Amino acid sequence: MALSPESLFQIAGNIVLPGWLLLVFAPRWRVTRWVVGSGALPLVLAVLYAGCIGWHYLGGQGSQGGFGSLVEVAALFQDPWALLAGWVHYLCFDLAVGAWASRDAQRRGVPHLLLVPVLVLTFLLGPVGFLLYHALRRFYPLASPALPPAALA
């Protein structure tokens, strides 16, 4: 069976969705820590991204478009492999940001119910969730390590 951009699009969605569900519903479960928190799932998406962008360049479409202007980016995304690579890029990085926010929130003692909207926004609108989490985490600073007695003298 040949893998088309459309079939890989479906596969990518099926890969990433369980990661988000684990972050929302079972953030402290060891499986979540291993699958998402360790970076394993984002790494799978990174491999898929590398394959898609590689196929774009090796498949003869590499001369189309670029990153120098919006017109070049639009031309780049005319190729389904480059468009898929862009989508997988979003999925990979948004999940990595969500995993980081979840780990950081646990370290800071952020109540998970406050983190859930952040995770949903990070999944749907990546930078908006990232921005919201940065605002939220200001209310939950990390405890400063105690200074040793010698440092106080």
C-alpha atoms as a PDB file:
ATOM      1  CA  MET A   1       0.000   0.000   0.000  1.00  0.00           C
ATOM      2  CA  ALA A   2       1.440   3.350  -1.042  1.00  0.00           C
ATOM      3  CA  LEU A   3       1.171   6.060   1.564  1.00  0.00           C
ATOM      4  CA  SER A   4      -0.382   9.223   0.201  1.00  0.00           C
ATOM      5  CA  PRO A   5      -0.281  12.643   1.862  1.00  0.00           C
ATOM      6  CA  GLU A   6      -3.961  12.178   2.742  1.00  0.00           C
ATOM      7  CA  SER A   7      -3.412   8.797   4.406  1.00  0.00           C
ATOM      8  CA  LEU A   8      -0.415  10.155   6.329  1.00  0.00           C
ATOM      9  CA  PHE A   9      -2.520  13.145   7.393  1.00  0.00           C
ATOM     10  CA  GLN A  10      -4.988  10.701   8.958  1.00  0.00           C
ATOM     11  CA  ILE A  11      -2.179   8.693  10.553  1.00  0.00           C
ATOM     12  CA  ALA A  12      -0.616  11.839  12.041  1.00  0.00           C
ATOM     13  CA  GLY A  13      -3.945  12.803  13.607  1.00  0.00           C
ATOM     14  CA  ASN A  14      -4.326   9.317  15.027  1.00  0.00           C
ATOM     15  CA  ILE A  15      -0.812   9.520  16.469  1.00  0.00           C
ATOM     16  CA  VAL A  16      -1.179  12.895  18.153  1.00  0.00           C
ATOM     17  CA  LEU A  17      -4.707  12.671  19.578  1.00  0.00           C
ATOM     18  CA  PRO A  18      -3.932   9.977  22.200  1.00  0.00           C
ATOM     19  CA  GLY A  19      -1.051  12.128  23.445  1.00  0.00           C
ATOM     20  CA  TRP A  20      -3.345  15.079  24.028  1.00  0.00           C
ATOM     21  CA  LEU A  21      -5.964  12.885  25.687  1.00  0.00           C
ATOM     22  CA  LEU A  22      -3.308  11.517  28.044  1.00  0.00           C
ATOM     23  CA  LEU A  23      -2.149  15.040  28.943  1.00  0.00           C
ATOM     24  CA  VAL A  24      -5.716  16.155  29.673  1.00  0.00           C
ATOM     25  CA  PHE A  25      -7.122  13.072  31.424  1.00  0.00           C
ATOM     26  CA  ALA A  26      -4.110  11.245  32.920  1.00  0.00           C
ATOM     27  CA  PRO A  27      -1.242  13.728  33.245  1.00  0.00           C
ATOM     28  CA  ARG A  28       0.506  11.938  36.122  1.00  0.00           C
ATOM     29  CA  TRP A  29       0.159   8.395  34.782  1.00  0.00           C
ATOM     30  CA  ARG A  30       3.490   6.717  34.069  1.00  0.00           C
ATOM     31  CA  VAL A  31       2.342   5.883  30.538  1.00  0.00           C
ATOM     32  CA  THR A  32       1.712   9.580  29.902  1.00  0.00           C
ATOM     33  CA  ARG A  33       5.137  10.454  31.257  1.00  0.00           C
ATOM     34  CA  TRP A  34       6.735   7.847  29.012  1.00  0.00           C
ATOM     35  CA  VAL A  35       4.707   8.366  25.828  1.00  0.00           C
ATOM     36  CA  VAL A  36       4.377  12.147  25.885  1.00  0.00           C
ATOM     37  CA  GLY A  37       6.558  13.557  28.645  1.00  0.00           C
ATOM     38  CA  SER A  38       9.699  11.774  27.513  1.00  0.00           C
ATOM     39  CA  GLY A  39       9.285  13.218  24.053  1.00  0.00           C
ATOM     40  CA  ALA A  40       8.622   9.805  22.468  1.00  0.00           C
ATOM     41  CA  LEU A  41       5.411  10.819  20.705  1.00  0.00           C
ATOM     42  CA  PRO A  42       6.719  14.195  19.493  1.00  0.00           C
ATOM     43  CA  LEU A  43       9.792  12.337  18.201  1.00  0.00           C
ATOM     44  CA  VAL A  44       7.573   9.990  16.178  1.00  0.00           C
ATOM     45  CA  LEU A  45       5.946  13.059  14.658  1.00  0.00           C
ATOM     46  CA  ALA A  46       9.377  14.578  14.014  1.00  0.00           C
ATOM     47  CA  VAL A  47      10.355  11.459  12.055  1.00  0.00           C
ATOM     48  CA  LEU A  48       7.133  11.718  10.049  1.00  0.00           C
ATOM     49  CA  TYR A  49       7.897  15.406   9.405  1.00  0.00           C
ATOM     50  CA  ALA A  50      11.409  14.590   8.206  1.00  0.00           C
ATOM     51  CA  GLY A  51       9.993  11.980   5.850  1.00  0.00           C
ATOM     52  CA  CYS A  52       7.384  14.359   4.428  1.00  0.00           C
ATOM     53  CA  ILE A  53       9.755  17.248   3.875  1.00  0.00           C
ATOM     54  CA  GLY A  54      12.339  14.848   2.488  1.00  0.00           C
ATOM     55  CA  TRP A  55       9.778  13.447   0.051  1.00  0.00           C
ATOM     56  CA  HIS A  56       8.952  17.025  -1.004  1.00  0.00           C
ATOM     57  CA  TYR A  57      12.579  17.796  -1.821  1.00  0.00           C
ATOM     58  CA  LEU A  58      13.513  14.369  -3.192  1.00  0.00           C
ATOM     59  CA  GLY A  59      10.298  14.052  -5.158  1.00  0.00           C
ATOM     60  CA  GLY A  60      11.236  16.862  -7.500  1.00  0.00           C
ATOM     61  CA  GLN A  61       9.107  19.586  -5.915  1.00  0.00           C
ATOM     62  CA  GLY A  62      11.949  21.120  -3.916  1.00  0.00           C
ATOM     63  CA  SER A  63      12.424  24.027  -6.289  1.00  0.00           C
ATOM     64  CA  GLN A  64       8.868  25.242  -5.728  1.00  0.00           C
ATOM     65  CA  GLY A  65       8.460  27.923  -3.131  1.00  0.00           C
ATOM     66  CA  GLY A  66      10.581  28.854  -0.175  1.00  0.00           C
ATOM     67  CA  PHE A  67      10.592  30.846   3.047  1.00  0.00           C
ATOM     68  CA  GLY A  68      11.634  34.306   1.807  1.00  0.00           C
ATOM     69  CA  SER A  69       8.148  35.737   1.368  1.00  0.00           C
ATOM     70  CA  LEU A  70       4.532  34.862   1.913  1.00  0.00           C
ATOM     71  CA  VAL A  71       4.183  34.230  -1.829  1.00  0.00           C
ATOM     72  CA  GLU A  72       7.059  31.718  -1.655  1.00  0.00           C
ATOM     73  CA  VAL A  73       5.497  29.955   1.343  1.00  0.00           C
ATOM     74  CA  ALA A  74       2.168  29.776  -0.508  1.00  0.00           C
ATOM     75  CA  ALA A  75       3.966  28.264  -3.516  1.00  0.00           C
ATOM     76  CA  LEU A  76       5.730  25.777  -1.239  1.00  0.00           C
ATOM     77  CA  PHE A  77       2.430  24.624   0.217  1.00  0.00           C
ATOM     78  CA  GLN A  78       1.011  23.901  -3.244  1.00  0.00           C
ATOM     79  CA  ASP A  79       2.810  20.570  -2.966  1.00  0.00           C
ATOM     80  CA  PRO A  80       0.761  18.171  -0.782  1.00  0.00           C
ATOM     81  CA  TRP A  81       3.947  16.718   0.779  1.00  0.00           C
ATOM     82  CA  ALA A  82       5.148  20.157   1.883  1.00  0.00           C
ATOM     83  CA  LEU A  83       1.672  21.035   3.133  1.00  0.00           C
ATOM     84  CA  LEU A  84       1.553  17.790   5.110  1.00  0.00           C
ATOM     85  CA  ALA A  85       5.026  18.505   6.494  1.00  0.00           C
ATOM     86  CA  GLY A  86       3.770  21.911   7.662  1.00  0.00           C
ATOM     87  CA  TRP A  87       0.790  20.294   9.370  1.00  0.00           C
ATOM     88  CA  VAL A  88       2.917  17.643  11.080  1.00  0.00           C
ATOM     89  CA  HIS A  89       5.287  20.435  12.171  1.00  0.00           C
ATOM     90  CA  TYR A  90       2.345  22.073  13.970  1.00  0.00           C
ATOM     91  CA  LEU A  91       1.240  18.790  15.527  1.00  0.00           C
ATOM     92  CA  CYS A  92       4.750  17.947  16.724  1.00  0.00           C
ATOM     93  CA  PHE A  93       5.607  21.324  18.215  1.00  0.00           C
ATOM     94  CA  ASP A  94       2.189  21.929  19.759  1.00  0.00           C
ATOM     95  CA  LEU A  95       2.366  18.543  21.505  1.00  0.00           C
ATOM     96  CA  ALA A  96       5.915  19.268  22.689  1.00  0.00           C
ATOM     97  CA  VAL A  97       4.718  22.606  24.120  1.00  0.00           C
ATOM     98  CA  GLY A  98       1.736  20.904  25.776  1.00  0.00           C
ATOM     99  CA  ALA A  99       4.007  18.265  27.322  1.00  0.00           C
ATOM    100  CA  TRP A 100       6.355  20.966  28.609  1.00  0.00           C
ATOM    101  CA  ALA A 101       3.454  22.963  30.072  1.00  0.00           C
ATOM    102  CA  SER A 102       2.099  19.846  31.782  1.00  0.00           C
ATOM    103  CA  ARG A 103       5.475  18.986  33.346  1.00  0.00           C
ATOM    104  CA  ASP A 104       6.087  22.593  34.364  1.00  0.00           C
ATOM    105  CA  ALA A 105       2.589  22.911  35.847  1.00  0.00           C
ATOM    106  CA  GLN A 106       3.133  19.795  37.949  1.00  0.00           C
ATOM    107  CA  ARG A 107       6.435  21.178  39.266  1.00  0.00           C
ATOM    108  CA  ARG A 108       4.798  24.498  40.111  1.00  0.00           C
ATOM    109  CA  GLY A 109       1.651  23.021  41.676  1.00  0.00           C
ATOM    110  CA  VAL A 110      -0.732  24.516  39.103  1.00  0.00           C
ATOM    111  CA  PRO A 111      -4.135  22.860  39.598  1.00  0.00           C
ATOM    112  CA  HIS A 112      -4.789  20.572  36.643  1.00  0.00           C
ATOM    113  CA  LEU A 113      -8.262  22.032  36.061  1.00  0.00           C
ATOM    114  CA  LEU A 114      -6.581  25.366  35.315  1.00  0.00           C
ATOM    115  CA  LEU A 115      -4.209  23.670  32.897  1.00  0.00           C
ATOM    116  CA  VAL A 116      -6.903  21.879  30.874  1.00  0.00           C
ATOM    117  CA  PRO A 117      -8.027  25.012  28.951  1.00  0.00           C
ATOM    118  CA  VAL A 118      -4.363  25.781  28.266  1.00  0.00           C
ATOM    119  CA  LEU A 119      -3.860  22.299  26.825  1.00  0.00           C
ATOM    120  CA  VAL A 120      -6.982  22.550  24.675  1.00  0.00           C
ATOM    121  CA  LEU A 121      -5.896  25.939  23.345  1.00  0.00           C
ATOM    122  CA  THR A 122      -2.370  24.675  22.721  1.00  0.00           C
ATOM    123  CA  PHE A 123      -3.807  21.743  20.754  1.00  0.00           C
ATOM    124  CA  LEU A 124      -6.138  23.936  18.691  1.00  0.00           C
ATOM    125  CA  LEU A 125      -4.324  27.289  18.538  1.00  0.00           C
ATOM    126  CA  GLY A 126      -0.743  26.496  19.629  1.00  0.00           C
ATOM    127  CA  PRO A 127       0.714  29.946  20.372  1.00  0.00           C
ATOM    128  CA  VAL A 128      -2.475  31.103  22.147  1.00  0.00           C
ATOM    129  CA  GLY A 129      -2.204  28.217  24.619  1.00  0.00           C
ATOM    130  CA  PHE A 130       1.520  28.880  25.019  1.00  0.00           C
ATOM    131  CA  LEU A 131       0.810  32.546  25.762  1.00  0.00           C
ATOM    132  CA  LEU A 132      -1.958  31.690  28.236  1.00  0.00           C
ATOM    133  CA  TYR A 133       0.281  29.224  30.064  1.00  0.00           C
ATOM    134  CA  HIS A 134       3.033  31.825  30.399  1.00  0.00           C
ATOM    135  CA  ALA A 135       0.500  34.184  31.986  1.00  0.00           C
ATOM    136  CA  LEU A 136      -0.849  31.439  34.286  1.00  0.00           C
ATOM    137  CA  ARG A 137       2.530  30.201  35.478  1.00  0.00           C
ATOM    138  CA  ARG A 138       3.388  33.654  36.864  1.00  0.00           C
ATOM    139  CA  PHE A 139       0.864  32.969  39.631  1.00  0.00           C
ATOM    140  CA  TYR A 140       2.662  29.746  40.585  1.00  0.00           C
ATOM    141  CA  PRO A 141       6.347  30.545  41.040  1.00  0.00           C
ATOM    142  CA  LEU A 142       8.802  27.801  41.818  1.00  0.00           C
ATOM    143  CA  ALA A 143       9.902  27.753  45.419  1.00  0.00           C
ATOM    144  CA  SER A 144      13.364  29.234  45.794  1.00  0.00           C
ATOM    145  CA  PRO A 145      15.885  26.743  47.093  1.00  0.00           C
ATOM    146  CA  ALA A 146      16.869  27.461  50.664  1.00  0.00           C
ATOM    147  CA  LEU A 147      20.249  29.101  51.022  1.00  0.00           C
ATOM    148  CA  PRO A 148      22.779  27.131  53.043  1.00  0.00           C
ATOM    149  CA  PRO A 149      23.604  28.743  56.427  1.00  0.00           C
ATOM    150  CA  ALA A 150      27.112  29.662  55.235  1.00  0.00           C
ATOM    151  CA  ALA A 151      25.636  31.779  52.438  1.00  0.00           C
ATOM    152  CA  LEU A 152      23.680  33.835  54.957  1.00  0.00           C
ATOM    153  CA  ALA A 153      26.751  34.864  56.958  1.00  0.00           C
END
